[in-house]
């Protein structure tokens, strides 16, 4: 199935979880936040949050400031 990750169309297996997507993309989870279809997904839900065809996934780095 096709999903979009940071504006890039990507082919992935049906039912892939967010955690599996990060492993597939070799992305370091430290300091990372994820949104699916413009909704931020809590890190504790990544292993069970299944992706669906045409989902829009946004990966972004959390930055602390003061």
PDB file of N, CA and C in Angstrom:
ATOM      1  N   UNK A   1       0.847  -1.180   0.000  1.00  0.00           N
ATOM      2  CA  UNK A   1       0.000   0.000   0.000  1.00  0.00           C
ATOM      3  C   UNK A   1       0.885   1.233   0.000  1.00  0.00           C
ATOM      4  N   UNK A   2       0.322   2.344  -0.384  1.00  0.00           N
ATOM      5  CA  UNK A   2       1.083   3.594  -0.417  1.00  0.00           C
ATOM      6  C   UNK A   2       0.667   4.505   0.726  1.00  0.00           C
ATOM      7  N   UNK A   3       1.680   5.087   1.365  1.00  0.00           N
ATOM      8  CA  UNK A   3       1.471   6.143   2.344  1.00  0.00           C
ATOM      9  C   UNK A   3       2.395   7.283   1.966  1.00  0.00           C
ATOM     10  N   UNK A   4       2.215   8.422   2.592  1.00  0.00           N
ATOM     11  CA  UNK A   4       3.106   9.551   2.354  1.00  0.00           C
ATOM     12  C   UNK A   4       3.838   9.858   3.655  1.00  0.00           C
ATOM     13  N   UNK A   5       5.164   9.899   3.577  1.00  0.00           N
ATOM     14  CA  UNK A   5       5.995  10.204   4.743  1.00  0.00           C
ATOM     15  C   UNK A   5       6.750  11.494   4.433  1.00  0.00           C
ATOM     16  N   UNK A   6       6.431  12.544   5.183  1.00  0.00           N
ATOM     17  CA  UNK A   6       7.055  13.860   4.945  1.00  0.00           C
ATOM     18  C   UNK A   6       7.044  14.219   3.463  1.00  0.00           C
ATOM     19  N   UNK A   7       5.881  14.147   2.853  1.00  0.00           N
ATOM     20  CA  UNK A   7       5.638  14.543   1.465  1.00  0.00           C
ATOM     21  C   UNK A   7       6.262  13.612   0.429  1.00  0.00           C
ATOM     22  N   UNK A   8       6.739  12.434   0.841  1.00  0.00           N
ATOM     23  CA  UNK A   8       7.309  11.472  -0.105  1.00  0.00           C
ATOM     24  C   UNK A   8       6.453  10.207  -0.103  1.00  0.00           C
ATOM     25  N   UNK A   9       5.918   9.843  -1.263  1.00  0.00           N
ATOM     26  CA  UNK A   9       5.100   8.638  -1.372  1.00  0.00           C
ATOM     27  C   UNK A   9       5.994   7.422  -1.164  1.00  0.00           C
ATOM     28  N   UNK A  10       5.539   6.533  -0.275  1.00  0.00           N
ATOM     29  CA  UNK A  10       6.315   5.362   0.109  1.00  0.00           C
ATOM     30  C   UNK A  10       5.438   4.126   0.056  1.00  0.00           C
ATOM     31  N   UNK A  11       5.979   3.045  -0.472  1.00  0.00           N
ATOM     32  CA  UNK A  11       5.270   1.766  -0.543  1.00  0.00           C
ATOM     33  C   UNK A  11       5.644   0.952   0.696  1.00  0.00           C
ATOM     34  N   UNK A  12       4.628   0.515   1.459  1.00  0.00           N
ATOM     35  CA  UNK A  12       4.866  -0.287   2.669  1.00  0.00           C
ATOM     36  C   UNK A  12       3.867  -1.440   2.708  1.00  0.00           C
ATOM     37  N   UNK A  13       4.133  -2.394   3.594  1.00  0.00           N
ATOM     38  CA  UNK A  13       3.247  -3.541   3.760  1.00  0.00           C
ATOM     39  C   UNK A  13       1.941  -3.123   4.430  1.00  0.00           C
ATOM     40  N   UNK A  14       0.866  -3.779   4.060  1.00  0.00           N
ATOM     41  CA  UNK A  14      -0.442  -3.540   4.660  1.00  0.00           C
ATOM     42  C   UNK A  14      -0.363  -3.787   6.168  1.00  0.00           C
ATOM     43  N   UNK A  15      -0.939  -2.880   6.983  1.00  0.00           N
ATOM     44  CA  UNK A  15      -1.000  -3.060   8.425  1.00  0.00           C
ATOM     45  C   UNK A  15       0.287  -2.754   9.175  1.00  0.00           C
ATOM     46  N   UNK A  16       1.249  -2.144   8.508  1.00  0.00           N
ATOM     47  CA  UNK A  16       2.518  -1.783   9.146  1.00  0.00           C
ATOM     48  C   UNK A  16       2.248  -0.828  10.309  1.00  0.00           C
ATOM     49  N   UNK A  17       2.939  -1.023  11.428  1.00  0.00           N
ATOM     50  CA  UNK A  17       2.776  -0.116  12.567  1.00  0.00           C
ATOM     51  C   UNK A  17       3.738   1.066  12.425  1.00  0.00           C
ATOM     52  N   UNK A  18       3.484   2.115  13.190  1.00  0.00           N
ATOM     53  CA  UNK A  18       4.391   3.263  13.171  1.00  0.00           C
ATOM     54  C   UNK A  18       5.788   2.847  13.626  1.00  0.00           C
ATOM     55  N   UNK A  19       5.865   2.008  14.637  1.00  0.00           N
ATOM     56  CA  UNK A  19       7.164   1.519  15.129  1.00  0.00           C
ATOM     57  C   UNK A  19       7.902   0.777  14.019  1.00  0.00           C
ATOM     58  N   UNK A  20       7.204  -0.088  13.284  1.00  0.00           N
ATOM     59  CA  UNK A  20       7.811  -0.827  12.181  1.00  0.00           C
ATOM     60  C   UNK A  20       8.235   0.114  11.059  1.00  0.00           C
ATOM     61  N   UNK A  21       7.456   1.163  10.819  1.00  0.00           N
ATOM     62  CA  UNK A  21       7.821   2.143   9.795  1.00  0.00           C
ATOM     63  C   UNK A  21       9.149   2.800  10.132  1.00  0.00           C
ATOM     64  N   UNK A  22       9.328   3.188  11.390  1.00  0.00           N
ATOM     65  CA  UNK A  22      10.586   3.817  11.804  1.00  0.00           C
ATOM     66  C   UNK A  22      11.758   2.860  11.617  1.00  0.00           C
ATOM     67  N   UNK A  23      11.550   1.590  11.943  1.00  0.00           N
ATOM     68  CA  UNK A  23      12.600   0.587  11.747  1.00  0.00           C
ATOM     69  C   UNK A  23      12.913   0.432  10.261  1.00  0.00           C
ATOM     70  N   UNK A  24      11.872   0.390   9.442  1.00  0.00           N
ATOM     71  CA  UNK A  24      12.042   0.262   7.995  1.00  0.00           C
ATOM     72  C   UNK A  24      12.833   1.434   7.414  1.00  0.00           C
ATOM     73  N   UNK A  25      12.557   2.624   7.931  1.00  0.00           N
ATOM     74  CA  UNK A  25      13.224   3.836   7.440  1.00  0.00           C
ATOM     75  C   UNK A  25      14.558   4.092   8.132  1.00  0.00           C
ATOM     76  N   UNK A  26      14.924   3.257   9.097  1.00  0.00           N
ATOM     77  CA  UNK A  26      16.155   3.425   9.882  1.00  0.00           C
ATOM     78  C   UNK A  26      16.225   4.801  10.534  1.00  0.00           C
ATOM     79  N   UNK A  27      15.130   5.189  11.169  1.00  0.00           N
ATOM     80  CA  UNK A  27      15.031   6.498  11.811  1.00  0.00           C
ATOM     81  C   UNK A  27      15.237   6.342  13.317  1.00  0.00           C
ATOM     82  N   UNK A  28      16.066   7.194  13.891  1.00  0.00           N
ATOM     83  CA  UNK A  28      16.299   7.208  15.332  1.00  0.00           C
ATOM     84  C   UNK A  28      15.089   7.838  16.018  1.00  0.00           C
ATOM     85  N   UNK A  29      14.536   7.152  17.006  1.00  0.00           N
ATOM     86  CA  UNK A  29      13.331   7.625  17.691  1.00  0.00           C
ATOM     87  C   UNK A  29      13.601   8.729  18.705  1.00  0.00           C
ATOM     88  N   UNK A  30      14.850   8.907  19.114  1.00  0.00           N
ATOM     89  CA  UNK A  30      15.174   9.911  20.133  1.00  0.00           C
ATOM     90  C   UNK A  30      14.827  11.311  19.647  1.00  0.00           C
ATOM     91  N   UNK A  31      14.017  12.011  20.426  1.00  0.00           N
ATOM     92  CA  UNK A  31      13.646  13.374  20.085  1.00  0.00           C
ATOM     93  C   UNK A  31      12.685  13.476  18.919  1.00  0.00           C
ATOM     94  N   UNK A  32      12.035  12.371  18.578  1.00  0.00           N
ATOM     95  CA  UNK A  32      11.151  12.336  17.412  1.00  0.00           C
ATOM     96  C   UNK A  32       9.689  12.363  17.847  1.00  0.00           C
ATOM     97  N   UNK A  33       8.868  13.015  17.077  1.00  0.00           N
ATOM     98  CA  UNK A  33       7.420  12.986  17.261  1.00  0.00           C
ATOM     99  C   UNK A  33       6.812  12.594  15.913  1.00  0.00           C
ATOM    100  N   UNK A  34       5.630  11.972  15.972  1.00  0.00           N
ATOM    101  CA  UNK A  34       4.952  11.515  14.752  1.00  0.00           C
ATOM    102  C   UNK A  34       3.521  12.010  14.730  1.00  0.00           C
ATOM    103  N   UNK A  35       3.074  12.365  13.547  1.00  0.00           N
ATOM    104  CA  UNK A  35       1.666  12.689  13.345  1.00  0.00           C
ATOM    105  C   UNK A  35       1.173  11.869  12.162  1.00  0.00           C
ATOM    106  N   UNK A  36      -0.041  11.362  12.281  1.00  0.00           N
ATOM    107  CA  UNK A  36      -0.688  10.647  11.184  1.00  0.00           C
ATOM    108  C   UNK A  36      -1.938  11.431  10.833  1.00  0.00           C
ATOM    109  N   UNK A  37      -2.012  11.852   9.583  1.00  0.00           N
ATOM    110  CA  UNK A  37      -3.139  12.661   9.116  1.00  0.00           C
ATOM    111  C   UNK A  37      -3.352  13.883  10.020  1.00  0.00           C
ATOM    112  N   UNK A  38      -2.253  14.529  10.350  1.00  0.00           N
ATOM    113  CA  UNK A  38      -2.201  15.768  11.130  1.00  0.00           C
ATOM    114  C   UNK A  38      -2.626  15.591  12.582  1.00  0.00           C
ATOM    115  N   UNK A  39      -2.578  14.348  13.092  1.00  0.00           N
ATOM    116  CA  UNK A  39      -2.903  14.072  14.489  1.00  0.00           C
ATOM    117  C   UNK A  39      -1.681  13.437  15.145  1.00  0.00           C
ATOM    118  N   UNK A  40      -1.131  14.094  16.173  1.00  0.00           N
ATOM    119  CA  UNK A  40       0.051  13.581  16.859  1.00  0.00           C
ATOM    120  C   UNK A  40      -0.327  12.285  17.573  1.00  0.00           C
ATOM    121  N   UNK A  41       0.532  11.272  17.411  1.00  0.00           N
ATOM    122  CA  UNK A  41       0.312   9.967  18.023  1.00  0.00           C
ATOM    123  C   UNK A  41       1.295   9.804  19.183  1.00  0.00           C
ATOM    124  N   UNK A  42       0.780   9.483  20.352  1.00  0.00           N
ATOM    125  CA  UNK A  42       1.606   9.283  21.528  1.00  0.00           C
ATOM    126  C   UNK A  42       2.601   8.160  21.275  1.00  0.00           C
ATOM    127  N   UNK A  43       3.821   8.355  21.709  1.00  0.00           N
ATOM    128  CA  UNK A  43       4.898   7.376  21.506  1.00  0.00           C
ATOM    129  C   UNK A  43       4.517   5.986  22.016  1.00  0.00           C
ATOM    130  N   UNK A  44       3.772   5.898  23.102  1.00  0.00           N
ATOM    131  CA  UNK A  44       3.392   4.592  23.655  1.00  0.00           C
ATOM    132  C   UNK A  44       2.460   3.824  22.716  1.00  0.00           C
ATOM    133  N   UNK A  45       1.832   4.518  21.782  1.00  0.00           N
ATOM    134  CA  UNK A  45       0.902   3.875  20.843  1.00  0.00           C
ATOM    135  C   UNK A  45       1.562   3.477  19.521  1.00  0.00           C
ATOM    136  N   UNK A  46       2.806   3.870  19.289  1.00  0.00           N
ATOM    137  CA  UNK A  46       3.468   3.578  18.019  1.00  0.00           C
ATOM    138  C   UNK A  46       3.481   2.096  17.663  1.00  0.00           C
ATOM    139  N   UNK A  47       3.767   1.186  18.620  1.00  0.00           N
ATOM    140  CA  UNK A  47       3.832  -0.231  18.247  1.00  0.00           C
ATOM    141  C   UNK A  47       2.497  -0.806  17.759  1.00  0.00           C
ATOM    142  N   UNK A  48       1.373  -0.296  18.256  1.00  0.00           N
ATOM    143  CA  UNK A  48       0.091  -0.857  17.842  1.00  0.00           C
ATOM    144  C   UNK A  48      -0.706   0.009  16.871  1.00  0.00           C
ATOM    145  N   UNK A  49      -0.200   1.191  16.541  1.00  0.00           N
ATOM    146  CA  UNK A  49      -0.928   2.059  15.600  1.00  0.00           C
ATOM    147  C   UNK A  49      -0.647   1.588  14.169  1.00  0.00           C
ATOM    148  N   UNK A  50      -1.626   0.928  13.578  1.00  0.00           N
ATOM    149  CA  UNK A  50      -1.481   0.403  12.211  1.00  0.00           C
ATOM    150  C   UNK A  50      -1.742   1.508  11.187  1.00  0.00           C
ATOM    151  N   UNK A  51      -0.927   1.518  10.168  1.00  0.00           N
ATOM    152  CA  UNK A  51      -1.100   2.483   9.081  1.00  0.00           C
ATOM    153  C   UNK A  51      -2.077   1.938   8.047  1.00  0.00           C
ATOM    154  N   UNK A  52      -2.717   2.859   7.345  1.00  0.00           N
ATOM    155  CA  UNK A  52      -3.677   2.505   6.310  1.00  0.00           C
ATOM    156  C   UNK A  52      -3.288   3.191   5.007  1.00  0.00           C
ATOM    157  N   UNK A  53      -3.763   2.647   3.908  1.00  0.00           N
ATOM    158  CA  UNK A  53      -3.470   3.221   2.587  1.00  0.00           C
ATOM    159  C   UNK A  53      -3.808   4.712   2.588  1.00  0.00           C
ATOM    160  N   UNK A  54      -2.938   5.482   1.988  1.00  0.00           N
ATOM    161  CA  UNK A  54      -3.094   6.931   1.811  1.00  0.00           C
ATOM    162  C   UNK A  54      -2.909   7.751   3.084  1.00  0.00           C
ATOM    163  N   UNK A  55      -2.461   7.114   4.184  1.00  0.00           N
ATOM    164  CA  UNK A  55      -2.161   7.891   5.393  1.00  0.00           C
ATOM    165  C   UNK A  55      -1.039   8.881   5.094  1.00  0.00           C
ATOM    166  N   UNK A  56      -1.114  10.022   5.749  1.00  0.00           N
ATOM    167  CA  UNK A  56      -0.086  11.052   5.662  1.00  0.00           C
ATOM    168  C   UNK A  56       0.680  11.049   6.987  1.00  0.00           C
ATOM    169  N   UNK A  57       1.940  10.626   6.961  1.00  0.00           N
ATOM    170  CA  UNK A  57       2.750  10.541   8.170  1.00  0.00           C
ATOM    171  C   UNK A  57       3.759  11.687   8.152  1.00  0.00           C
ATOM    172  N   UNK A  58       3.833  12.394   9.270  1.00  0.00           N
ATOM    173  CA  UNK A  58       4.803  13.464   9.405  1.00  0.00           C
ATOM    174  C   UNK A  58       5.733  13.129  10.552  1.00  0.00           C
ATOM    175  N   UNK A  59       7.023  13.104  10.256  1.00  0.00           N
ATOM    176  CA  UNK A  59       8.060  12.889  11.266  1.00  0.00           C
ATOM    177  C   UNK A  59       8.673  14.245  11.558  1.00  0.00           C
ATOM    178  N   UNK A  60       8.774  14.585  12.825  1.00  0.00           N
ATOM    179  CA  UNK A  60       9.420  15.852  13.145  1.00  0.00           C
ATOM    180  C   UNK A  60      10.200  15.739  14.442  1.00  0.00           C
ATOM    181  N   UNK A  61      11.232  16.542  14.553  1.00  0.00           N
ATOM    182  CA  UNK A  61      12.100  16.541  15.710  1.00  0.00           C
ATOM    183  C   UNK A  61      11.562  17.501  16.746  1.00  0.00           C
ATOM    184  N   UNK A  62      11.496  17.022  17.975  1.00  0.00           N
ATOM    185  CA  UNK A  62      11.051  17.850  19.077  1.00  0.00           C
ATOM    186  C   UNK A  62      12.248  18.693  19.533  1.00  0.00           C
ATOM    187  N   UNK A  63      12.033  19.995  19.628  1.00  0.00           N
ATOM    188  CA  UNK A  63      13.092  20.902  20.020  1.00  0.00           C
ATOM    189  C   UNK A  63      12.673  21.615  21.298  1.00  0.00           C
ATOM    190  N   UNK A  64      13.530  21.569  22.304  1.00  0.00           N
ATOM    191  CA  UNK A  64      13.253  22.280  23.553  1.00  0.00           C
ATOM    192  C   UNK A  64      13.938  23.642  23.485  1.00  0.00           C
ATOM    193  N   UNK A  65      13.278  24.601  24.025  1.00  0.00           N
ATOM    194  CA  UNK A  65      13.859  25.942  23.999  1.00  0.00           C
ATOM    195  C   UNK A  65      13.445  26.711  25.235  1.00  0.00           C
ATOM    196  N   UNK A  66      13.984  27.870  25.337  1.00  0.00           N
ATOM    197  CA  UNK A  66      13.635  28.628  26.521  1.00  0.00           C
ATOM    198  C   UNK A  66      13.740  30.088  26.297  1.00  0.00           C
TER     199      UNK A  66
END
